[in-house]
PDB file of all heavy atoms in Angstrom:
ATOM      1  N   ARG A   1     -76.687  -3.646 -22.058  1.00  0.00           N
ATOM      2  CA  ARG A   1     -75.315  -3.269 -22.398  1.00  0.00           C
ATOM      3  C   ARG A   1     -74.857  -2.044 -21.838  1.00  0.00           C
ATOM      4  O   ARG A   1     -73.920  -1.778 -21.252  1.00  0.00           O
ATOM      5  CB  ARG A   1     -75.238  -3.310 -23.819  1.00  0.00           C
ATOM      6  CG  ARG A   1     -73.719  -3.015 -24.421  1.00  0.00           C
ATOM      7  CD  ARG A   1     -73.627  -2.730 -25.844  1.00  0.00           C
ATOM      8  NE  ARG A   1     -72.266  -2.644 -26.339  1.00  0.00           N
ATOM      9  CZ  ARG A   1     -71.537  -1.647 -26.162  1.00  0.00           C
ATOM     10  NH1 ARG A   1     -72.021  -0.595 -25.480  1.00  0.00           N
ATOM     11  NH2 ARG A   1     -70.244  -1.563 -26.681  1.00  0.00           N
ATOM     12  N   ASN A   2     -75.793  -0.912 -21.943  1.00  0.00           N
ATOM     13  CA  ASN A   2     -75.502   0.436 -21.415  1.00  0.00           C
ATOM     14  C   ASN A   2     -75.339   0.404 -19.843  1.00  0.00           C
ATOM     15  O   ASN A   2     -74.449   1.056 -19.424  1.00  0.00           O
ATOM     16  CB  ASN A   2     -76.616   1.322 -21.759  1.00  0.00           C
ATOM     17  CG  ASN A   2     -76.614   1.606 -23.254  1.00  0.00           C
ATOM     18  OD1 ASN A   2     -75.698   1.215 -23.955  1.00  0.00           O
ATOM     19  ND2 ASN A   2     -77.736   2.227 -23.692  1.00  0.00           N
ATOM     20  N   MET A   3     -76.170  -0.393 -19.123  1.00  0.00           N
ATOM     21  CA  MET A   3     -76.047  -0.406 -17.762  1.00  0.00           C
ATOM     22  C   MET A   3     -74.730  -1.175 -17.303  1.00  0.00           C
ATOM     23  O   MET A   3     -74.039  -0.672 -16.378  1.00  0.00           O
ATOM     24  CB  MET A   3     -77.198  -1.259 -17.136  1.00  0.00           C
ATOM     25  CG  MET A   3     -77.166  -1.313 -15.620  1.00  0.00           C
ATOM     26  SD  MET A   3     -78.622  -2.247 -14.985  1.00  0.00           S
ATOM     27  CE  MET A   3     -79.972  -1.071 -15.188  1.00  0.00           C
ATOM     28  N   ILE A   4     -74.370  -2.225 -17.963  1.00  0.00           N
ATOM     29  CA  ILE A   4     -73.154  -2.894 -17.595  1.00  0.00           C
ATOM     30  C   ILE A   4     -71.969  -1.916 -18.011  1.00  0.00           C
ATOM     31  O   ILE A   4     -70.865  -1.844 -17.134  1.00  0.00           O
ATOM     32  CB  ILE A   4     -72.922  -4.229 -18.485  1.00  0.00           C
ATOM     33  CG1 ILE A   4     -73.937  -5.247 -17.952  1.00  0.00           C
ATOM     34  CG2 ILE A   4     -71.543  -4.753 -18.377  1.00  0.00           C
ATOM     35  CD1 ILE A   4     -73.883  -5.473 -16.608  1.00  0.00           C
ATOM     36  N   GLU A   5     -71.927  -1.244 -19.071  1.00  0.00           N
ATOM     37  CA  GLU A   5     -70.790  -0.317 -19.411  1.00  0.00           C
ATOM     38  C   GLU A   5     -70.703   0.811 -18.449  1.00  0.00           C
ATOM     39  O   GLU A   5     -69.614   1.069 -18.086  1.00  0.00           O
ATOM     40  CB  GLU A   5     -71.083   0.346 -20.898  1.00  0.00           C
ATOM     41  CG  GLU A   5     -69.922   1.150 -21.274  1.00  0.00           C
ATOM     42  CD  GLU A   5     -70.124   1.488 -22.709  1.00  0.00           C
ATOM     43  OE1 GLU A   5     -71.151   1.312 -23.371  1.00  0.00           O
ATOM     44  OE2 GLU A   5     -69.133   2.261 -23.287  1.00  0.00           O
ATOM     45  N   ARG A   6     -71.911   1.342 -17.946  1.00  0.00           N
ATOM     46  CA  ARG A   6     -71.811   2.368 -17.016  1.00  0.00           C
ATOM     47  C   ARG A   6     -71.234   1.851 -15.588  1.00  0.00           C
ATOM     48  O   ARG A   6     -70.399   2.504 -14.970  1.00  0.00           O
ATOM     49  CB  ARG A   6     -73.260   2.843 -16.714  1.00  0.00           C
ATOM     50  CG  ARG A   6     -73.357   4.028 -15.683  1.00  0.00           C
ATOM     51  CD  ARG A   6     -74.680   4.606 -15.546  1.00  0.00           C
ATOM     52  NE  ARG A   6     -75.678   3.711 -15.124  1.00  0.00           N
ATOM     53  CZ  ARG A   6     -76.706   3.390 -15.843  1.00  0.00           C
ATOM     54  NH1 ARG A   6     -76.922   3.908 -16.976  1.00  0.00           N
ATOM     55  NH2 ARG A   6     -77.648   2.475 -15.316  1.00  0.00           N
ATOM     56  N   ALA A   7     -71.606   0.649 -15.289  1.00  0.00           N
ATOM     57  CA  ALA A   7     -71.098  -0.025 -14.049  1.00  0.00           C
ATOM     58  C   ALA A   7     -69.510  -0.221 -14.108  1.00  0.00           C
ATOM     59  O   ALA A   7     -68.905  -0.004 -13.098  1.00  0.00           O
ATOM     60  CB  ALA A   7     -71.730  -1.279 -13.714  1.00  0.00           C
ATOM     61  N   LEU A   8     -69.087  -0.543 -15.246  1.00  0.00           N
ATOM     62  CA  LEU A   8     -67.575  -0.854 -15.433  1.00  0.00           C
ATOM     63  C   LEU A   8     -66.930   0.519 -15.402  1.00  0.00           C
ATOM     64  O   LEU A   8     -65.682   0.595 -14.911  1.00  0.00           O
ATOM     65  CB  LEU A   8     -67.405  -1.528 -16.775  1.00  0.00           C
ATOM     66  CG  LEU A   8     -67.921  -3.029 -16.832  1.00  0.00           C
ATOM     67  CD1 LEU A   8     -67.584  -3.625 -18.111  1.00  0.00           C
ATOM     68  CD2 LEU A   8     -67.375  -3.902 -15.662  1.00  0.00           C
ATOM     69  N   ILE A   9     -67.466   1.526 -15.977  1.00  0.00           N
ATOM     70  CA  ILE A   9     -66.782   2.827 -16.062  1.00  0.00           C
ATOM     71  C   ILE A   9     -66.827   3.507 -14.662  1.00  0.00           C
ATOM     72  O   ILE A   9     -65.736   4.090 -14.211  1.00  0.00           O
ATOM     73  CB  ILE A   9     -67.417   3.814 -17.013  1.00  0.00           C
ATOM     74  CG1 ILE A   9     -67.256   3.234 -18.439  1.00  0.00           C
ATOM     75  CG2 ILE A   9     -66.989   5.244 -16.982  1.00  0.00           C
ATOM     76  CD1 ILE A   9     -68.027   4.014 -19.616  1.00  0.00           C
ATOM     77  N   LEU A  10     -67.903   3.545 -13.930  1.00  0.00           N
ATOM     78  CA  LEU A  10     -68.013   4.236 -12.736  1.00  0.00           C
ATOM     79  C   LEU A  10     -67.663   3.511 -11.431  1.00  0.00           C
ATOM     80  O   LEU A  10     -67.440   4.072 -10.459  1.00  0.00           O
ATOM     81  CB  LEU A  10     -69.430   4.789 -12.577  1.00  0.00           C
ATOM     82  CG  LEU A  10     -69.895   5.701 -13.698  1.00  0.00           C
ATOM     83  CD1 LEU A  10     -71.412   6.196 -13.483  1.00  0.00           C
ATOM     84  CD2 LEU A  10     -69.067   7.014 -13.833  1.00  0.00           C
ATOM     85  N   GLY A  11     -67.745   2.138 -11.486  1.00  0.00           N
ATOM     86  CA  GLY A  11     -67.537   1.289 -10.295  1.00  0.00           C
ATOM     87  C   GLY A  11     -66.090   1.193  -9.930  1.00  0.00           C
ATOM     88  O   GLY A  11     -65.090   1.532 -10.677  1.00  0.00           O
ATOM     89  N   ASP A  12     -65.907   0.567  -8.866  1.00  0.00           N
ATOM     90  CA  ASP A  12     -64.438   0.296  -8.241  1.00  0.00           C
ATOM     91  C   ASP A  12     -64.018  -0.970  -9.037  1.00  0.00           C
ATOM     92  O   ASP A  12     -64.635  -2.180  -8.869  1.00  0.00           O
ATOM     93  CB  ASP A  12     -64.552   0.079  -6.867  1.00  0.00           C
ATOM     94  CG  ASP A  12     -63.200  -0.254  -6.323  1.00  0.00           C
ATOM     95  OD1 ASP A  12     -62.238  -0.386  -6.966  1.00  0.00           O
ATOM     96  OD2 ASP A  12     -63.119  -0.269  -4.920  1.00  0.00           O
ATOM     97  N   ALA A  13     -62.887  -1.023  -9.694  1.00  0.00           N
ATOM     98  CA  ALA A  13     -62.372  -2.059 -10.485  1.00  0.00           C
ATOM     99  C   ALA A  13     -61.858  -3.134  -9.698  1.00  0.00           C
ATOM    100  O   ALA A  13     -61.743  -4.398 -10.096  1.00  0.00           O
ATOM    101  CB  ALA A  13     -61.172  -1.596 -11.453  1.00  0.00           C
ATOM    102  N   GLY A  14     -61.651  -2.942  -8.475  1.00  0.00           N
ATOM    103  CA  GLY A  14     -61.188  -3.973  -7.562  1.00  0.00           C
ATOM    104  C   GLY A  14     -62.113  -4.786  -6.873  1.00  0.00           C
ATOM    105  O   GLY A  14     -61.774  -5.629  -5.982  1.00  0.00           O
ATOM    106  N   ARG A  15     -63.320  -4.581  -7.085  1.00  0.00           N
ATOM    107  CA  ARG A  15     -64.396  -5.456  -6.520  1.00  0.00           C
ATOM    108  C   ARG A  15     -65.450  -5.880  -7.409  1.00  0.00           C
ATOM    109  O   ARG A  15     -65.598  -5.388  -8.523  1.00  0.00           O
ATOM    110  CB  ARG A  15     -65.134  -4.599  -5.272  1.00  0.00           C
ATOM    111  CG  ARG A  15     -65.802  -3.420  -5.698  1.00  0.00           C
ATOM    112  CD  ARG A  15     -66.545  -2.835  -4.567  1.00  0.00           C
ATOM    113  NE  ARG A  15     -67.226  -1.476  -5.022  1.00  0.00           N
ATOM    114  CZ  ARG A  15     -68.340  -1.413  -5.753  1.00  0.00           C
ATOM    115  NH1 ARG A  15     -68.956  -2.451  -6.064  1.00  0.00           N
ATOM    116  NH2 ARG A  15     -68.880  -0.214  -5.938  1.00  0.00           N
ATOM    117  N   PRO A  16     -66.255  -6.869  -7.036  1.00  0.00           N
ATOM    118  CA  PRO A  16     -67.330  -7.383  -7.874  1.00  0.00           C
ATOM    119  C   PRO A  16     -68.391  -6.242  -8.173  1.00  0.00           C
ATOM    120  O   PRO A  16     -68.496  -5.295  -7.487  1.00  0.00           O
ATOM    121  CB  PRO A  16     -67.955  -8.489  -7.261  1.00  0.00           C
ATOM    122  CG  PRO A  16     -66.918  -8.982  -6.207  1.00  0.00           C
ATOM    123  CD  PRO A  16     -66.208  -7.744  -5.851  1.00  0.00           C
ATOM    124  N   ILE A  17     -69.168  -6.426  -9.257  1.00  0.00           N
ATOM    125  CA  ILE A  17     -70.329  -5.530  -9.438  1.00  0.00           C
ATOM    126  C   ILE A  17     -71.433  -5.966  -8.493  1.00  0.00           C
ATOM    127  O   ILE A  17     -71.865  -7.137  -8.469  1.00  0.00           O
ATOM    128  CB  ILE A  17     -70.820  -5.741 -10.996  1.00  0.00           C
ATOM    129  CG1 ILE A  17     -69.780  -5.290 -11.925  1.00  0.00           C
ATOM    130  CG2 ILE A  17     -72.139  -4.879 -11.090  1.00  0.00           C
ATOM    131  CD1 ILE A  17     -70.149  -5.485 -13.335  1.00  0.00           C
ATOM    132  N   GLU A  18     -72.019  -4.870  -7.679  1.00  0.00           N
ATOM    133  CA  GLU A  18     -72.934  -5.157  -6.717  1.00  0.00           C
ATOM    134  C   GLU A  18     -74.267  -4.420  -7.247  1.00  0.00           C
ATOM    135  O   GLU A  18     -74.266  -3.653  -8.147  1.00  0.00           O
ATOM    136  CB  GLU A  18     -72.527  -4.638  -5.412  1.00  0.00           C
ATOM    137  CG  GLU A  18     -71.240  -5.378  -4.973  1.00  0.00           C
ATOM    138  CD  GLU A  18     -70.747  -4.736  -3.657  1.00  0.00           C
ATOM    139  OE1 GLU A  18     -71.121  -3.573  -3.340  1.00  0.00           O
ATOM    140  OE2 GLU A  18     -69.906  -5.311  -3.127  1.00  0.00           O
ATOM    141  N   ILE A  19     -75.343  -4.636  -6.349  1.00  0.00           N
ATOM    142  CA  ILE A  19     -76.619  -3.964  -6.674  1.00  0.00           C
ATOM    143  C   ILE A  19     -76.441  -2.465  -6.752  1.00  0.00           C
ATOM    144  O   ILE A  19     -77.045  -1.889  -7.620  1.00  0.00           O
ATOM    145  CB  ILE A  19     -77.636  -4.373  -5.666  1.00  0.00           C
ATOM    146  CG1 ILE A  19     -77.912  -5.876  -5.777  1.00  0.00           C
ATOM    147  CG2 ILE A  19     -78.876  -3.572  -5.879  1.00  0.00           C
ATOM    148  CD1 ILE A  19     -78.968  -6.308  -4.810  1.00  0.00           C
ATOM    149  N   SER A  20     -75.598  -1.921  -5.931  1.00  0.00           N
ATOM    150  CA  SER A  20     -75.445  -0.450  -5.833  1.00  0.00           C
ATOM    151  C   SER A  20     -74.837   0.083  -7.102  1.00  0.00           C
ATOM    152  O   SER A  20     -75.058   1.232  -7.526  1.00  0.00           O
ATOM    153  CB  SER A  20     -74.522  -0.043  -4.626  1.00  0.00           C
ATOM    154  OG  SER A  20     -73.297  -0.729  -4.762  1.00  0.00           O
ATOM    155  N   ASP A  21     -74.020  -0.712  -7.895  1.00  0.00           N
ATOM    156  CA  ASP A  21     -73.469  -0.277  -9.182  1.00  0.00           C
ATOM    157  C   ASP A  21     -74.551  -0.291 -10.217  1.00  0.00           C
ATOM    158  O   ASP A  21     -74.279   0.369 -11.303  1.00  0.00           O
ATOM    159  CB  ASP A  21     -72.392  -1.362  -9.645  1.00  0.00           C
ATOM    160  CG  ASP A  21     -71.197  -1.257  -8.661  1.00  0.00           C
ATOM    161  OD1 ASP A  21     -70.786  -0.207  -8.374  1.00  0.00           O
ATOM    162  OD2 ASP A  21     -70.736  -2.381  -8.171  1.00  0.00           O
ATOM    163  N   LEU A  22     -75.609  -1.024 -10.095  1.00  0.00           N
ATOM    164  CA  LEU A  22     -76.615  -1.037 -10.972  1.00  0.00           C
ATOM    165  C   LEU A  22     -77.846  -0.153 -10.733  1.00  0.00           C
ATOM    166  O   LEU A  22     -78.867  -0.259 -11.434  1.00  0.00           O
ATOM    167  CB  LEU A  22     -77.055  -2.533 -11.207  1.00  0.00           C
ATOM    168  CG  LEU A  22     -76.048  -3.571 -11.438  1.00  0.00           C
ATOM    169  CD1 LEU A  22     -76.585  -4.962 -11.399  1.00  0.00           C
ATOM    170  CD2 LEU A  22     -75.355  -3.149 -12.667  1.00  0.00           C
ATOM    171  N   GLN A  23     -77.841   0.645  -9.701  1.00  0.00           N
ATOM    172  CA  GLN A  23     -78.865   1.549  -9.366  1.00  0.00           C
ATOM    173  C   GLN A  23     -78.368   2.992  -9.320  1.00  0.00           C
ATOM    174  O   GLN A  23     -78.074   3.605  -8.367  1.00  0.00           O
ATOM    175  CB  GLN A  23     -79.469   1.342  -7.963  1.00  0.00           C
ATOM    176  CG  GLN A  23     -80.119  -0.178  -7.869  1.00  0.00           C
ATOM    177  CD  GLN A  23     -80.617  -0.514  -6.623  1.00  0.00           C
ATOM    178  OE1 GLN A  23     -80.026  -0.176  -5.540  1.00  0.00           O
ATOM    179  NE2 GLN A  23     -81.843  -0.929  -6.514  1.00  0.00           N
ATOM    180  N   ALA A  24     -78.457   3.584 -10.551  1.00  0.00           N
ATOM    181  CA  ALA A  24     -77.663   4.900 -10.711  1.00  0.00           C
ATOM    182  C   ALA A  24     -78.542   5.975  -9.974  1.00  0.00           C
ATOM    183  O   ALA A  24     -77.925   6.897  -9.530  1.00  0.00           O
ATOM    184  CB  ALA A  24     -77.599   5.234 -12.170  1.00  0.00           C
ATOM    185  N   ASP A  25     -79.819   5.702  -9.853  1.00  0.00           N
ATOM    186  CA  ASP A  25     -80.706   6.756  -9.173  1.00  0.00           C
ATOM    187  C   ASP A  25     -80.921   6.595  -7.730  1.00  0.00           C
ATOM    188  O   ASP A  25     -81.776   7.294  -7.224  1.00  0.00           O
ATOM    189  CB  ASP A  25     -81.981   6.915 -10.018  1.00  0.00           C
ATOM    190  CG  ASP A  25     -81.673   7.313 -11.462  1.00  0.00           C
ATOM    191  OD1 ASP A  25     -80.752   8.123 -11.709  1.00  0.00           O
ATOM    192  OD2 ASP A  25     -82.475   6.802 -12.366  1.00  0.00           O
ATOM    193  N   SER A  26     -80.531   5.393  -7.253  1.00  0.00           N
ATOM    194  CA  SER A  26     -80.817   5.099  -5.894  1.00  0.00           C
ATOM    195  C   SER A  26     -79.911   5.702  -4.803  1.00  0.00           C
ATOM    196  O   SER A  26     -78.792   6.199  -5.157  1.00  0.00           O
ATOM    197  CB  SER A  26     -80.787   3.638  -5.525  1.00  0.00           C
ATOM    198  OG  SER A  26     -79.475   3.116  -5.641  1.00  0.00           O
ATOM    199  N   VAL A  27     -80.420   5.979  -3.605  1.00  0.00           N
ATOM    200  CA  VAL A  27     -79.580   6.625  -2.590  1.00  0.00           C
ATOM    201  C   VAL A  27     -79.621   5.706  -1.370  1.00  0.00           C
ATOM    202  O   VAL A  27     -80.611   5.478  -0.682  1.00  0.00           O
ATOM    203  CB  VAL A  27     -80.205   7.938  -2.171  1.00  0.00           C
ATOM    204  CG1 VAL A  27     -79.333   8.501  -1.140  1.00  0.00           C
ATOM    205  CG2 VAL A  27     -80.394   8.822  -3.453  1.00  0.00           C
ATOM    206  N   PRO A  28     -78.523   5.070  -0.994  1.00  0.00           N
ATOM    207  CA  PRO A  28     -78.372   4.183   0.051  1.00  0.00           C
ATOM    208  C   PRO A  28     -78.594   4.905   1.422  1.00  0.00           C
ATOM    209  O   PRO A  28     -78.343   6.148   1.471  1.00  0.00           O
ATOM    210  CB  PRO A  28     -77.009   3.685  -0.054  1.00  0.00           C
ATOM    211  CG  PRO A  28     -76.222   4.649  -0.749  1.00  0.00           C
ATOM    212  CD  PRO A  28     -77.183   5.379  -1.671  1.00  0.00           C
ATOM    213  N   ASP A  29     -78.797   4.173   2.466  1.00  0.00           N
ATOM    214  CA  ASP A  29     -79.087   4.848   3.772  1.00  0.00           C
ATOM    215  C   ASP A  29     -77.636   5.014   4.344  1.00  0.00           C
ATOM    216  O   ASP A  29     -76.732   4.784   3.770  1.00  0.00           O
ATOM    217  CB  ASP A  29     -79.818   3.923   4.806  1.00  0.00           C
ATOM    218  CG  ASP A  29     -79.223   2.689   5.043  1.00  0.00           C
ATOM    219  OD1 ASP A  29     -78.062   2.460   4.558  1.00  0.00           O
ATOM    220  OD2 ASP A  29     -79.823   1.881   5.786  1.00  0.00           O
ATOM    221  N   GLU A  30     -77.568   5.621   5.510  1.00  0.00           N
ATOM    222  CA  GLU A  30     -76.146   5.957   6.145  1.00  0.00           C
ATOM    223  C   GLU A  30     -75.252   4.738   6.245  1.00  0.00           C
ATOM    224  O   GLU A  30     -74.052   4.965   6.048  1.00  0.00           O
ATOM    225  CB  GLU A  30     -76.443   6.543   7.430  1.00  0.00           C
ATOM    226  CG  GLU A  30     -77.231   7.913   7.432  1.00  0.00           C
ATOM    227  CD  GLU A  30     -77.393   8.494   8.726  1.00  0.00           C
ATOM    228  OE1 GLU A  30     -76.803   7.925   9.818  1.00  0.00           O
ATOM    229  OE2 GLU A  30     -77.946   9.627   8.995  1.00  0.00           O
TER     230      GLU A  30
END
């Protein structure tokens, strides 16, 4: 529940929830 709530608060409301929304500590490549 906390993970989903964080994704809804911090993510872009105009697109689906993606893996990047669920990895608060990950750093994508360029």
